[in-house]
Amino acid sequence: MRKKEKIKYEIDPNNRLIYTRTGKKSNVPKYREIIDGEIKTDKNNSLVYHIKKSRDSNIPRQVRFSGRWSLDKNHDLVFTLDEKHAQDAGDEITLTGEIKSAEANKLAFSVSGKNMSGQPREYILNLEGNWQADKYNRLTFNVKRNKGSADALTLKSGWSVNKKNQLVYTYEKARLKTKQRVIKTLTFKGHWDITQKHRLLYVLNKRIGSQFDFEAGLGKPLARGLEYKIGAGIVPSKERITLLGEWKINTKLGVLFEMPYEKGELKRTVFGASCKLGKNGALDFKLRNEKGKDPGIDIKLSERIFGNRGEVFLRGVKSGQEKEISIGAGWEW
């Protein structure tokens, strides 16, 4: 029985398509050609190669591949073929390049190379989807595919938090031609949600579910910040991250934690709280979120943080008239 013709696709070091067909799986000599063209993605985030010119009239003007996306260890983009369209299932098309940027609903990947005339060129592949954290607290981009399915691009190196309270992913990349290794960083623009117990959220776009939901320990308040133990996912040499910010008290609103971000932007989280007088004149606050639940953050603050506005409140606590006083309603904006 005659076997069906199979076509093998590869990508050369200049990100050009190599087209190979055998006629049938036997001793028939292979036909192999490097084809000049443009790499693109379609509305379903599938890989498409638009062919500019080929010596073989049987080669179509564009090749639309069927398969799934992933990232390899070098953070290059890989498309693994399935059995459709006479492809060899399991073959991998590897696009060498780098992650250019990351938005809430998009990952941009830069593909560079040369055309058949030796002129340099660059393509930007935009994959649509959303960001989430996997069970190991690793950053993952879910590429939106047909019928609600998704391909997971997992960033397997570590992440950290910079002085602007932004989440930063850092990885090492090898350049194939020069054999050099370079350090790359990817900064995510979002904000932290610290209102849940044992959870730490970095929100990119809540409406489309693009956010990192990390499993974390209890928040440990610092003089100018909030510390969390994360473990898996972050830079290997670290086990904790610190969100920089300032604790404040508003006797009407409650306990405030203000976090600075890029360009002077300030994110304020407001907690309701119950307060009682602790040792050495310190005030012990047990916080609650907007749903009245415990976020796992207990803080001790000096009475000096109240200033002149909290004199009546402090007198009530110190006089012993109330063993515990509640302040604030607790909500975010």
C-alpha atoms as a PDB file:
ATOM      1  CA  MET A   1       0.000   0.000   0.000  1.00  0.00           C
ATOM      2  CA  ARG A   2       1.387   3.377  -1.019  1.00  0.00           C
ATOM      3  CA  LYS A   3       2.114   5.669   1.875  1.00  0.00           C
ATOM      4  CA  LYS A   4       0.881   9.253   1.803  1.00  0.00           C
ATOM      5  CA  GLU A   5       3.312  12.029   0.976  1.00  0.00           C
ATOM      6  CA  LYS A   6       4.629  13.830   4.025  1.00  0.00           C
ATOM      7  CA  ILE A   7       5.995  17.357   4.137  1.00  0.00           C
ATOM      8  CA  LYS A   8       8.647  18.346   6.626  1.00  0.00           C
ATOM      9  CA  TYR A   9       8.892  21.986   7.700  1.00  0.00           C
ATOM     10  CA  GLU A  10      11.850  23.607   9.425  1.00  0.00           C
ATOM     11  CA  ILE A  11      13.118  27.112  10.082  1.00  0.00           C
ATOM     12  CA  ASP A  12      16.708  28.062   9.221  1.00  0.00           C
ATOM     13  CA  PRO A  13      18.939  30.341  11.412  1.00  0.00           C
ATOM     14  CA  ASN A  14      17.529  33.395   9.577  1.00  0.00           C
ATOM     15  CA  ASN A  15      13.934  32.384  10.398  1.00  0.00           C
ATOM     16  CA  ARG A  16      13.165  31.342   6.786  1.00  0.00           C
ATOM     17  CA  LEU A  17      11.029  28.323   5.982  1.00  0.00           C
ATOM     18  CA  ILE A  18      12.680  25.101   4.798  1.00  0.00           C
ATOM     19  CA  TYR A  19      10.235  22.980   2.788  1.00  0.00           C
ATOM     20  CA  THR A  20      11.039  19.275   2.319  1.00  0.00           C
ATOM     21  CA  ARG A  21       8.910  16.596   0.616  1.00  0.00           C
ATOM     22  CA  THR A  22       9.797  13.050  -0.334  1.00  0.00           C
ATOM     23  CA  GLY A  23       7.093  11.936  -2.774  1.00  0.00           C
ATOM     24  CA  LYS A  24       6.614   8.864  -0.588  1.00  0.00           C
ATOM     25  CA  LYS A  25       8.430   7.320   2.324  1.00  0.00           C
ATOM     26  CA  SER A  26      10.981   5.197   0.489  1.00  0.00           C
ATOM     27  CA  ASN A  27      14.329   5.759  -1.196  1.00  0.00           C
ATOM     28  CA  VAL A  28      12.951   8.531  -3.416  1.00  0.00           C
ATOM     29  CA  PRO A  29      15.335  11.538  -3.251  1.00  0.00           C
ATOM     30  CA  LYS A  30      14.073  14.393  -1.106  1.00  0.00           C
ATOM     31  CA  TYR A  31      13.066  17.759  -2.511  1.00  0.00           C
ATOM     32  CA  ARG A  32      14.340  20.549  -0.241  1.00  0.00           C
ATOM     33  CA  GLU A  33      14.114  24.307  -0.629  1.00  0.00           C
ATOM     34  CA  ILE A  34      14.632  27.410   1.517  1.00  0.00           C
ATOM     35  CA  ILE A  35      11.658  29.679   0.840  1.00  0.00           C
ATOM     36  CA  ASP A  36      11.628  33.426   1.353  1.00  0.00           C
ATOM     37  CA  GLY A  37       8.555  34.809   3.065  1.00  0.00           C
ATOM     38  CA  GLU A  38       7.004  36.485   6.097  1.00  0.00           C
ATOM     39  CA  ILE A  39       6.084  34.902   9.426  1.00  0.00           C
ATOM     40  CA  LYS A  40       2.692  35.932  10.789  1.00  0.00           C
ATOM     41  CA  THR A  41      -0.137  34.802  13.043  1.00  0.00           C
ATOM     42  CA  ASP A  42      -3.838  34.692  12.155  1.00  0.00           C
ATOM     43  CA  LYS A  43      -6.949  35.591  14.170  1.00  0.00           C
ATOM     44  CA  ASN A  44      -6.795  32.206  15.934  1.00  0.00           C
ATOM     45  CA  ASN A  45      -3.145  32.709  16.925  1.00  0.00           C
ATOM     46  CA  SER A  46      -2.020  29.989  14.495  1.00  0.00           C
ATOM     47  CA  LEU A  47       1.314  30.199  12.671  1.00  0.00           C
ATOM     48  CA  VAL A  48       1.181  31.307   9.023  1.00  0.00           C
ATOM     49  CA  TYR A  49       4.075  31.667   6.551  1.00  0.00           C
ATOM     50  CA  HIS A  50       3.384  34.008   3.604  1.00  0.00           C
ATOM     51  CA  ILE A  51       5.591  32.939   0.698  1.00  0.00           C
ATOM     52  CA  LYS A  52       7.095  35.625  -1.527  1.00  0.00           C
ATOM     53  CA  LYS A  53       8.683  33.447  -4.198  1.00  0.00           C
ATOM     54  CA  SER A  54       9.399  29.777  -4.821  1.00  0.00           C
ATOM     55  CA  ARG A  55      10.846  27.757  -7.725  1.00  0.00           C
ATOM     56  CA  ASP A  56       8.239  25.048  -7.136  1.00  0.00           C
ATOM     57  CA  SER A  57       4.836  25.972  -8.578  1.00  0.00           C
ATOM     58  CA  ASN A  58       3.168  23.349  -6.371  1.00  0.00           C
ATOM     59  CA  ILE A  59       4.057  25.210  -3.183  1.00  0.00           C
ATOM     60  CA  PRO A  60       1.082  27.374  -2.085  1.00  0.00           C
ATOM     61  CA  ARG A  61       1.338  31.147  -1.625  1.00  0.00           C
ATOM     62  CA  GLN A  62       0.963  30.661   2.094  1.00  0.00           C
ATOM     63  CA  VAL A  63       1.417  27.778   4.497  1.00  0.00           C
ATOM     64  CA  ARG A  64      -0.969  27.644   7.444  1.00  0.00           C
ATOM     65  CA  PHE A  65       0.279  25.375  10.205  1.00  0.00           C
ATOM     66  CA  SER A  66      -1.784  23.444  12.726  1.00  0.00           C
ATOM     67  CA  GLY A  67      -0.391  22.737  16.180  1.00  0.00           C
ATOM     68  CA  ARG A  68       0.346  24.320  19.544  1.00  0.00           C
ATOM     69  CA  TRP A  69       2.644  27.015  20.985  1.00  0.00           C
ATOM     70  CA  SER A  70       5.254  26.719  23.737  1.00  0.00           C
ATOM     71  CA  LEU A  71       8.541  28.265  24.866  1.00  0.00           C
ATOM     72  CA  ASP A  72      11.812  26.333  24.964  1.00  0.00           C
ATOM     73  CA  LYS A  73      14.606  26.629  27.538  1.00  0.00           C
ATOM     74  CA  ASN A  74      16.186  29.490  25.597  1.00  0.00           C
ATOM     75  CA  HIS A  75      12.883  31.408  25.591  1.00  0.00           C
ATOM     76  CA  ASP A  76      12.485  30.915  21.838  1.00  0.00           C
ATOM     77  CA  LEU A  77       8.996  30.421  20.458  1.00  0.00           C
ATOM     78  CA  VAL A  78       8.138  26.855  19.397  1.00  0.00           C
ATOM     79  CA  PHE A  79       5.209  25.650  17.295  1.00  0.00           C
ATOM     80  CA  THR A  80       4.720  21.862  17.523  1.00  0.00           C
ATOM     81  CA  LEU A  81       2.829  20.429  14.557  1.00  0.00           C
ATOM     82  CA  ASP A  82      -0.101  18.030  14.774  1.00  0.00           C
ATOM     83  CA  GLU A  83      -1.337  15.504  12.176  1.00  0.00           C
ATOM     84  CA  LYS A  84      -3.354  17.880   9.986  1.00  0.00           C
ATOM     85  CA  HIS A  85      -2.458  19.130   6.491  1.00  0.00           C
ATOM     86  CA  ALA A  86       0.078  16.386   5.629  1.00  0.00           C
ATOM     87  CA  GLN A  87       2.386  17.610   8.395  1.00  0.00           C
ATOM     88  CA  ASP A  88       4.684  15.320  10.317  1.00  0.00           C
ATOM     89  CA  ALA A  89       3.080  15.294  13.753  1.00  0.00           C
ATOM     90  CA  GLY A  90       5.520  16.207  16.512  1.00  0.00           C
ATOM     91  CA  ASP A  91       7.850  18.230  14.282  1.00  0.00           C
ATOM     92  CA  GLU A  92       8.819  21.530  15.866  1.00  0.00           C
ATOM     93  CA  ILE A  93       9.179  24.897  14.161  1.00  0.00           C
ATOM     94  CA  THR A  94      11.433  27.009  16.387  1.00  0.00           C
ATOM     95  CA  LEU A  95      11.408  30.783  15.899  1.00  0.00           C
ATOM     96  CA  THR A  96      14.533  32.357  17.369  1.00  0.00           C
ATOM     97  CA  GLY A  97      14.041  35.803  18.849  1.00  0.00           C
ATOM     98  CA  GLU A  98      13.018  37.380  22.127  1.00  0.00           C
ATOM     99  CA  ILE A  99       9.984  38.457  24.077  1.00  0.00           C
ATOM    100  CA  LYS A 100       9.573  42.128  23.203  1.00  0.00           C
ATOM    101  CA  SER A 101       6.817  43.150  25.609  1.00  0.00           C
ATOM    102  CA  ALA A 102       3.965  41.855  27.725  1.00  0.00           C
ATOM    103  CA  GLU A 103       0.554  43.491  28.065  1.00  0.00           C
ATOM    104  CA  ALA A 104      -2.511  42.282  29.924  1.00  0.00           C
ATOM    105  CA  ASN A 105      -3.973  40.654  26.791  1.00  0.00           C
ATOM    106  CA  LYS A 106      -0.923  40.301  24.550  1.00  0.00           C
ATOM    107  CA  LEU A 107       2.584  38.883  24.308  1.00  0.00           C
ATOM    108  CA  ALA A 108       4.790  40.411  21.591  1.00  0.00           C
ATOM    109  CA  PHE A 109       7.638  38.259  20.268  1.00  0.00           C
ATOM    110  CA  SER A 110      10.364  39.735  18.063  1.00  0.00           C
ATOM    111  CA  VAL A 111      11.650  37.493  15.225  1.00  0.00           C
ATOM    112  CA  SER A 112      14.723  38.716  13.344  1.00  0.00           C
ATOM    113  CA  GLY A 113      16.718  37.311  10.423  1.00  0.00           C
ATOM    114  CA  LYS A 114      17.634  37.958   6.776  1.00  0.00           C
ATOM    115  CA  ASN A 115      15.808  37.627   3.475  1.00  0.00           C
ATOM    116  CA  MET A 116      17.180  35.808   0.433  1.00  0.00           C
ATOM    117  CA  SER A 117      19.140  38.936  -0.565  1.00  0.00           C
ATOM    118  CA  GLY A 118      20.880  39.053   2.787  1.00  0.00           C
ATOM    119  CA  GLN A 119      19.021  42.119   4.025  1.00  0.00           C
ATOM    120  CA  PRO A 120      18.138  42.151   7.751  1.00  0.00           C
ATOM    121  CA  ARG A 121      14.490  42.146   8.784  1.00  0.00           C
ATOM    122  CA  GLU A 122      12.382  41.896  11.908  1.00  0.00           C
ATOM    123  CA  TYR A 123       8.850  40.693  12.551  1.00  0.00           C
ATOM    124  CA  ILE A 124       6.706  41.199  15.623  1.00  0.00           C
ATOM    125  CA  LEU A 125       4.352  38.302  16.346  1.00  0.00           C
ATOM    126  CA  ASN A 126       1.478  39.354  18.597  1.00  0.00           C
ATOM    127  CA  LEU A 127      -0.157  36.487  20.456  1.00  0.00           C
ATOM    128  CA  GLU A 128      -3.448  37.281  22.209  1.00  0.00           C
ATOM    129  CA  GLY A 129      -4.550  35.775  25.508  1.00  0.00           C
ATOM    130  CA  ASN A 130      -4.133  36.453  29.216  1.00  0.00           C
ATOM    131  CA  TRP A 131      -1.642  35.990  32.044  1.00  0.00           C
ATOM    132  CA  GLN A 132      -1.972  33.713  35.066  1.00  0.00           C
ATOM    133  CA  ALA A 133       0.260  31.984  37.597  1.00  0.00           C
ATOM    134  CA  ASP A 134       0.567  28.192  37.586  1.00  0.00           C
ATOM    135  CA  LYS A 135       0.575  26.000  40.704  1.00  0.00           C
ATOM    136  CA  TYR A 136       4.323  26.628  41.111  1.00  0.00           C
ATOM    137  CA  ASN A 137       3.847  30.439  41.121  1.00  0.00           C
ATOM    138  CA  ARG A 138       5.440  30.651  37.658  1.00  0.00           C
ATOM    139  CA  LEU A 139       4.264  33.290  35.176  1.00  0.00           C
ATOM    140  CA  THR A 140       2.234  31.780  32.328  1.00  0.00           C
ATOM    141  CA  PHE A 141       0.708  33.321  29.216  1.00  0.00           C
ATOM    142  CA  ASN A 142      -2.349  31.460  27.924  1.00  0.00           C
ATOM    143  CA  VAL A 143      -2.476  31.862  24.134  1.00  0.00           C
ATOM    144  CA  LYS A 144      -6.129  32.039  23.066  1.00  0.00           C
ATOM    145  CA  ARG A 145      -6.988  29.334  20.490  1.00  0.00           C
ATOM    146  CA  ASN A 146     -10.094  27.875  18.819  1.00  0.00           C
ATOM    147  CA  LYS A 147     -13.238  27.009  20.810  1.00  0.00           C
ATOM    148  CA  GLY A 148     -11.954  28.371  24.109  1.00  0.00           C
ATOM    149  CA  SER A 149      -8.784  26.283  24.220  1.00  0.00           C
ATOM    150  CA  ALA A 150      -5.382  27.760  25.093  1.00  0.00           C
ATOM    151  CA  ASP A 151      -1.665  27.032  24.746  1.00  0.00           C
ATOM    152  CA  ALA A 152       0.418  27.733  27.854  1.00  0.00           C
ATOM    153  CA  LEU A 153       3.688  29.647  27.470  1.00  0.00           C
ATOM    154  CA  THR A 154       5.393  29.206  30.849  1.00  0.00           C
ATOM    155  CA  LEU A 155       8.198  31.535  31.924  1.00  0.00           C
ATOM    156  CA  LYS A 156      10.350  29.148  33.947  1.00  0.00           C
ATOM    157  CA  SER A 157      12.966  31.525  35.346  1.00  0.00           C
ATOM    158  CA  GLY A 158      12.461  33.643  38.448  1.00  0.00           C
ATOM    159  CA  TRP A 159      10.620  36.898  39.018  1.00  0.00           C
ATOM    160  CA  SER A 160      11.063  39.683  41.559  1.00  0.00           C
ATOM    161  CA  VAL A 161       9.602  43.056  42.585  1.00  0.00           C
ATOM    162  CA  ASN A 162      11.431  46.303  41.813  1.00  0.00           C
ATOM    163  CA  LYS A 163      11.490  49.554  43.802  1.00  0.00           C
ATOM    164  CA  LYS A 164       8.434  50.781  41.897  1.00  0.00           C
ATOM    165  CA  ASN A 165       6.447  47.758  43.116  1.00  0.00           C
ATOM    166  CA  GLN A 166       6.372  46.319  39.588  1.00  0.00           C
ATOM    167  CA  LEU A 167       6.707  42.615  38.880  1.00  0.00           C
ATOM    168  CA  VAL A 168       9.877  41.923  36.852  1.00  0.00           C
ATOM    169  CA  TYR A 169      10.767  38.659  35.106  1.00  0.00           C
ATOM    170  CA  THR A 170      14.491  38.002  34.509  1.00  0.00           C
ATOM    171  CA  TYR A 171      16.005  35.296  32.318  1.00  0.00           C
ATOM    172  CA  GLU A 172      19.245  34.371  30.591  1.00  0.00           C
ATOM    173  CA  LYS A 173      19.256  33.909  26.818  1.00  0.00           C
ATOM    174  CA  ALA A 174      21.932  32.351  24.583  1.00  0.00           C
ATOM    175  CA  ARG A 175      22.592  33.953  21.218  1.00  0.00           C
ATOM    176  CA  LEU A 176      23.148  31.118  18.775  1.00  0.00           C
ATOM    177  CA  LYS A 177      25.515  32.903  16.386  1.00  0.00           C
ATOM    178  CA  THR A 178      27.870  34.485  18.944  1.00  0.00           C
ATOM    179  CA  LYS A 179      27.377  31.900  21.735  1.00  0.00           C
ATOM    180  CA  GLN A 180      27.078  34.807  24.165  1.00  0.00           C
ATOM    181  CA  ARG A 181      24.611  34.729  27.029  1.00  0.00           C
ATOM    182  CA  VAL A 182      22.696  37.879  27.821  1.00  0.00           C
ATOM    183  CA  ILE A 183      20.345  38.854  30.631  1.00  0.00           C
ATOM    184  CA  LYS A 184      16.852  39.916  29.590  1.00  0.00           C
ATOM    185  CA  THR A 185      14.097  41.465  31.692  1.00  0.00           C
ATOM    186  CA  LEU A 186      10.362  41.786  31.187  1.00  0.00           C
ATOM    187  CA  THR A 187       8.392  44.297  33.283  1.00  0.00           C
ATOM    188  CA  PHE A 188       4.673  43.829  33.933  1.00  0.00           C
ATOM    189  CA  LYS A 189       2.573  46.933  34.557  1.00  0.00           C
ATOM    190  CA  GLY A 190      -0.113  46.176  37.093  1.00  0.00           C
ATOM    191  CA  HIS A 191      -0.909  46.616  40.789  1.00  0.00           C
ATOM    192  CA  TRP A 192      -0.900  44.425  43.889  1.00  0.00           C
ATOM    193  CA  ASP A 193      -4.020  43.223  45.686  1.00  0.00           C
ATOM    194  CA  ILE A 194      -3.137  42.316  49.288  1.00  0.00           C
ATOM    195  CA  THR A 195      -6.640  41.815  50.650  1.00  0.00           C
ATOM    196  CA  GLN A 196      -6.788  37.997  50.712  1.00  0.00           C
ATOM    197  CA  LYS A 197      -5.327  35.591  53.253  1.00  0.00           C
ATOM    198  CA  HIS A 198      -2.504  33.359  51.938  1.00  0.00           C
ATOM    199  CA  ARG A 199      -2.975  34.862  48.465  1.00  0.00           C
ATOM    200  CA  LEU A 200      -1.109  37.679  46.760  1.00  0.00           C
ATOM    201  CA  LEU A 201      -2.516  39.020  43.487  1.00  0.00           C
ATOM    202  CA  TYR A 202      -0.782  41.091  40.823  1.00  0.00           C
ATOM    203  CA  VAL A 203      -3.596  42.444  38.659  1.00  0.00           C
ATOM    204  CA  LEU A 204      -3.002  43.357  34.998  1.00  0.00           C
ATOM    205  CA  ASN A 205      -6.619  43.445  33.823  1.00  0.00           C
ATOM    206  CA  LYS A 206      -9.247  42.067  36.168  1.00  0.00           C
ATOM    207  CA  ARG A 207     -12.041  42.244  33.578  1.00  0.00           C
ATOM    208  CA  ILE A 208     -10.412  39.621  31.313  1.00  0.00           C
ATOM    209  CA  GLY A 209      -8.971  37.579  34.184  1.00  0.00           C
ATOM    210  CA  SER A 210      -5.380  38.589  33.435  1.00  0.00           C
ATOM    211  CA  GLN A 211      -3.691  38.484  36.816  1.00  0.00           C
ATOM    212  CA  PHE A 212      -1.134  36.473  38.776  1.00  0.00           C
ATOM    213  CA  ASP A 213      -2.651  34.749  41.790  1.00  0.00           C
ATOM    214  CA  PHE A 214       0.282  33.642  43.952  1.00  0.00           C
ATOM    215  CA  GLU A 215       0.150  31.337  46.943  1.00  0.00           C
ATOM    216  CA  ALA A 216       1.898  33.165  49.781  1.00  0.00           C
ATOM    217  CA  GLY A 217       2.466  33.224  53.503  1.00  0.00           C
ATOM    218  CA  LEU A 218       0.950  35.792  55.832  1.00  0.00           C
ATOM    219  CA  GLY A 219       1.861  39.417  55.240  1.00  0.00           C
ATOM    220  CA  LYS A 220       4.490  40.730  57.630  1.00  0.00           C
ATOM    221  CA  PRO A 221       4.243  44.520  58.101  1.00  0.00           C
ATOM    222  CA  LEU A 222       7.518  46.452  58.052  1.00  0.00           C
ATOM    223  CA  ALA A 223       8.246  50.058  58.939  1.00  0.00           C
ATOM    224  CA  ARG A 224       7.960  51.019  55.257  1.00  0.00           C
ATOM    225  CA  GLY A 225       6.440  48.064  53.527  1.00  0.00           C
ATOM    226  CA  LEU A 226       4.893  44.619  53.636  1.00  0.00           C
ATOM    227  CA  GLU A 227       6.852  41.366  53.360  1.00  0.00           C
ATOM    228  CA  TYR A 228       5.593  38.040  51.998  1.00  0.00           C
ATOM    229  CA  LYS A 229       7.126  34.587  51.850  1.00  0.00           C
ATOM    230  CA  ILE A 230       6.496  33.171  48.382  1.00  0.00           C
ATOM    231  CA  GLY A 231       8.899  30.283  47.743  1.00  0.00           C
ATOM    232  CA  ALA A 232       8.507  28.720  44.287  1.00  0.00           C
ATOM    233  CA  GLY A 233       8.362  31.076  41.327  1.00  0.00           C
ATOM    234  CA  ILE A 234      10.568  33.921  42.515  1.00  0.00           C
ATOM    235  CA  VAL A 235      14.295  34.366  41.918  1.00  0.00           C
ATOM    236  CA  PRO A 236      15.908  31.184  43.367  1.00  0.00           C
ATOM    237  CA  SER A 237      18.226  33.051  45.752  1.00  0.00           C
ATOM    238  CA  LYS A 238      15.244  34.687  47.463  1.00  0.00           C
ATOM    239  CA  GLU A 239      12.319  33.346  49.438  1.00  0.00           C
ATOM    240  CA  ARG A 240      10.597  36.623  50.233  1.00  0.00           C
ATOM    241  CA  ILE A 241       9.452  39.746  48.449  1.00  0.00           C
ATOM    242  CA  THR A 242       8.822  43.184  49.893  1.00  0.00           C
ATOM    243  CA  LEU A 243       6.132  45.558  48.680  1.00  0.00           C
ATOM    244  CA  LEU A 244       7.295  49.073  49.457  1.00  0.00           C
ATOM    245  CA  GLY A 245       4.744  51.426  50.934  1.00  0.00           C
ATOM    246  CA  GLU A 246       3.602  53.503  53.873  1.00  0.00           C
ATOM    247  CA  TRP A 247       1.145  52.640  56.629  1.00  0.00           C
ATOM    248  CA  LYS A 248      -1.311  55.356  57.642  1.00  0.00           C
ATOM    249  CA  ILE A 249      -4.332  55.673  59.875  1.00  0.00           C
ATOM    250  CA  ASN A 250      -7.579  57.420  59.064  1.00  0.00           C
ATOM    251  CA  THR A 251     -10.034  57.212  61.940  1.00  0.00           C
ATOM    252  CA  LYS A 252     -12.988  57.326  59.525  1.00  0.00           C
ATOM    253  CA  LEU A 253     -11.707  55.052  56.788  1.00  0.00           C
ATOM    254  CA  GLY A 254      -9.426  52.684  58.688  1.00  0.00           C
ATOM    255  CA  VAL A 255      -5.836  51.497  58.172  1.00  0.00           C
ATOM    256  CA  LEU A 256      -4.308  52.560  54.856  1.00  0.00           C
ATOM    257  CA  PHE A 257      -1.385  51.026  52.969  1.00  0.00           C
ATOM    258  CA  GLU A 258      -0.144  53.253  50.145  1.00  0.00           C
ATOM    259  CA  MET A 259       2.113  51.724  47.480  1.00  0.00           C
ATOM    260  CA  PRO A 260       3.995  53.935  44.984  1.00  0.00           C
ATOM    261  CA  TYR A 261       4.220  52.897  41.326  1.00  0.00           C
ATOM    262  CA  GLU A 262       5.720  54.260  38.122  1.00  0.00           C
ATOM    263  CA  LYS A 263       5.350  58.001  37.306  1.00  0.00           C
ATOM    264  CA  GLY A 264       4.213  58.887  40.805  1.00  0.00           C
ATOM    265  CA  GLU A 265       1.092  56.730  40.678  1.00  0.00           C
ATOM    266  CA  LEU A 266      -0.138  55.751  44.128  1.00  0.00           C
ATOM    267  CA  LYS A 267      -2.259  52.689  44.891  1.00  0.00           C
ATOM    268  CA  ARG A 268      -4.093  52.847  48.223  1.00  0.00           C
ATOM    269  CA  THR A 269      -5.566  49.814  49.955  1.00  0.00           C
ATOM    270  CA  VAL A 270      -7.992  50.512  52.793  1.00  0.00           C
ATOM    271  CA  PHE A 271      -8.687  48.030  55.590  1.00  0.00           C
ATOM    272  CA  GLY A 272     -11.207  48.066  58.351  1.00  0.00           C
ATOM    273  CA  ALA A 273      -9.614  47.208  61.692  1.00  0.00           C
ATOM    274  CA  SER A 274     -10.169  46.485  65.349  1.00  0.00           C
ATOM    275  CA  CYS A 275      -7.661  48.089  67.684  1.00  0.00           C
ATOM    276  CA  LYS A 276      -6.566  47.561  71.251  1.00  0.00           C
ATOM    277  CA  LEU A 277      -3.763  48.870  73.431  1.00  0.00           C
ATOM    278  CA  GLY A 278      -0.719  46.611  73.367  1.00  0.00           C
ATOM    279  CA  LYS A 279       2.540  46.492  75.294  1.00  0.00           C
ATOM    280  CA  ASN A 280       4.747  49.583  75.658  1.00  0.00           C
ATOM    281  CA  GLY A 281       1.970  51.854  74.474  1.00  0.00           C
ATOM    282  CA  ALA A 282       1.820  50.363  70.985  1.00  0.00           C
ATOM    283  CA  LEU A 283      -1.510  49.901  69.261  1.00  0.00           C
ATOM    284  CA  ASP A 284      -2.377  46.429  67.963  1.00  0.00           C
ATOM    285  CA  PHE A 285      -4.523  46.387  64.813  1.00  0.00           C
ATOM    286  CA  LYS A 286      -6.268  43.330  63.438  1.00  0.00           C
ATOM    287  CA  LEU A 287      -7.200  44.106  59.842  1.00  0.00           C
ATOM    288  CA  ARG A 288     -10.207  43.001  57.804  1.00  0.00           C
ATOM    289  CA  ASN A 289     -10.908  43.336  54.089  1.00  0.00           C
ATOM    290  CA  GLU A 290     -13.978  44.763  52.347  1.00  0.00           C
ATOM    291  CA  LYS A 291     -15.881  41.507  52.938  1.00  0.00           C
ATOM    292  CA  GLY A 292     -15.094  41.600  56.641  1.00  0.00           C
ATOM    293  CA  LYS A 293     -12.622  38.689  56.359  1.00  0.00           C
ATOM    294  CA  ASP A 294      -9.149  38.394  57.859  1.00  0.00           C
ATOM    295  CA  PRO A 295      -6.409  39.091  55.228  1.00  0.00           C
ATOM    296  CA  GLY A 296      -3.755  37.667  57.567  1.00  0.00           C
ATOM    297  CA  ILE A 297      -2.104  41.007  58.356  1.00  0.00           C
ATOM    298  CA  ASP A 298      -1.762  42.158  61.980  1.00  0.00           C
ATOM    299  CA  ILE A 299       0.191  45.336  62.643  1.00  0.00           C
ATOM    300  CA  LYS A 300       1.534  47.233  65.621  1.00  0.00           C
ATOM    301  CA  LEU A 301       1.725  50.993  65.256  1.00  0.00           C
ATOM    302  CA  SER A 302       2.923  53.796  67.481  1.00  0.00           C
ATOM    303  CA  GLU A 303       0.394  56.407  68.554  1.00  0.00           C
ATOM    304  CA  ARG A 304       2.534  59.003  66.770  1.00  0.00           C
ATOM    305  CA  ILE A 305       1.174  57.862  63.427  1.00  0.00           C
ATOM    306  CA  PHE A 306      -2.238  59.275  64.349  1.00  0.00           C
ATOM    307  CA  GLY A 307      -1.107  62.876  64.683  1.00  0.00           C
ATOM    308  CA  ASN A 308      -3.565  65.409  66.038  1.00  0.00           C
ATOM    309  CA  ARG A 309      -6.559  63.865  64.297  1.00  0.00           C
ATOM    310  CA  GLY A 310      -6.708  60.770  66.483  1.00  0.00           C
ATOM    311  CA  GLU A 311      -6.618  62.285  69.980  1.00  0.00           C
ATOM    312  CA  VAL A 312     -10.198  61.372  70.894  1.00  0.00           C
ATOM    313  CA  PHE A 313      -9.752  57.856  69.569  1.00  0.00           C
ATOM    314  CA  LEU A 314      -6.526  57.353  71.524  1.00  0.00           C
ATOM    315  CA  ARG A 315      -8.054  58.641  74.749  1.00  0.00           C
ATOM    316  CA  GLY A 316     -10.829  56.082  74.365  1.00  0.00           C
ATOM    317  CA  VAL A 317      -8.349  53.236  73.981  1.00  0.00           C
ATOM    318  CA  LYS A 318      -6.021  54.348  76.763  1.00  0.00           C
ATOM    319  CA  SER A 319      -8.752  55.073  79.287  1.00  0.00           C
ATOM    320  CA  GLY A 320      -9.894  51.469  79.208  1.00  0.00           C
ATOM    321  CA  GLN A 321     -13.460  52.524  78.449  1.00  0.00           C
ATOM    322  CA  GLU A 322     -13.312  50.153  75.479  1.00  0.00           C
ATOM    323  CA  LYS A 323     -11.246  46.966  75.385  1.00  0.00           C
ATOM    324  CA  GLU A 324     -11.367  47.027  71.615  1.00  0.00           C
ATOM    325  CA  ILE A 325     -12.377  49.759  69.185  1.00  0.00           C
ATOM    326  CA  SER A 326     -13.263  49.278  65.521  1.00  0.00           C
ATOM    327  CA  ILE A 327     -12.360  51.801  62.846  1.00  0.00           C
ATOM    328  CA  GLY A 328     -13.112  52.109  59.154  1.00  0.00           C
ATOM    329  CA  ALA A 329     -15.325  50.236  56.753  1.00  0.00           C
ATOM    330  CA  GLY A 330     -12.573  48.726  54.629  1.00  0.00           C
ATOM    331  CA  TRP A 331     -12.607  48.981  50.845  1.00  0.00           C
ATOM    332  CA  GLU A 332     -10.281  49.627  47.910  1.00  0.00           C
ATOM    333  CA  TRP A 333     -10.117  52.334  45.263  1.00  0.00           C
END
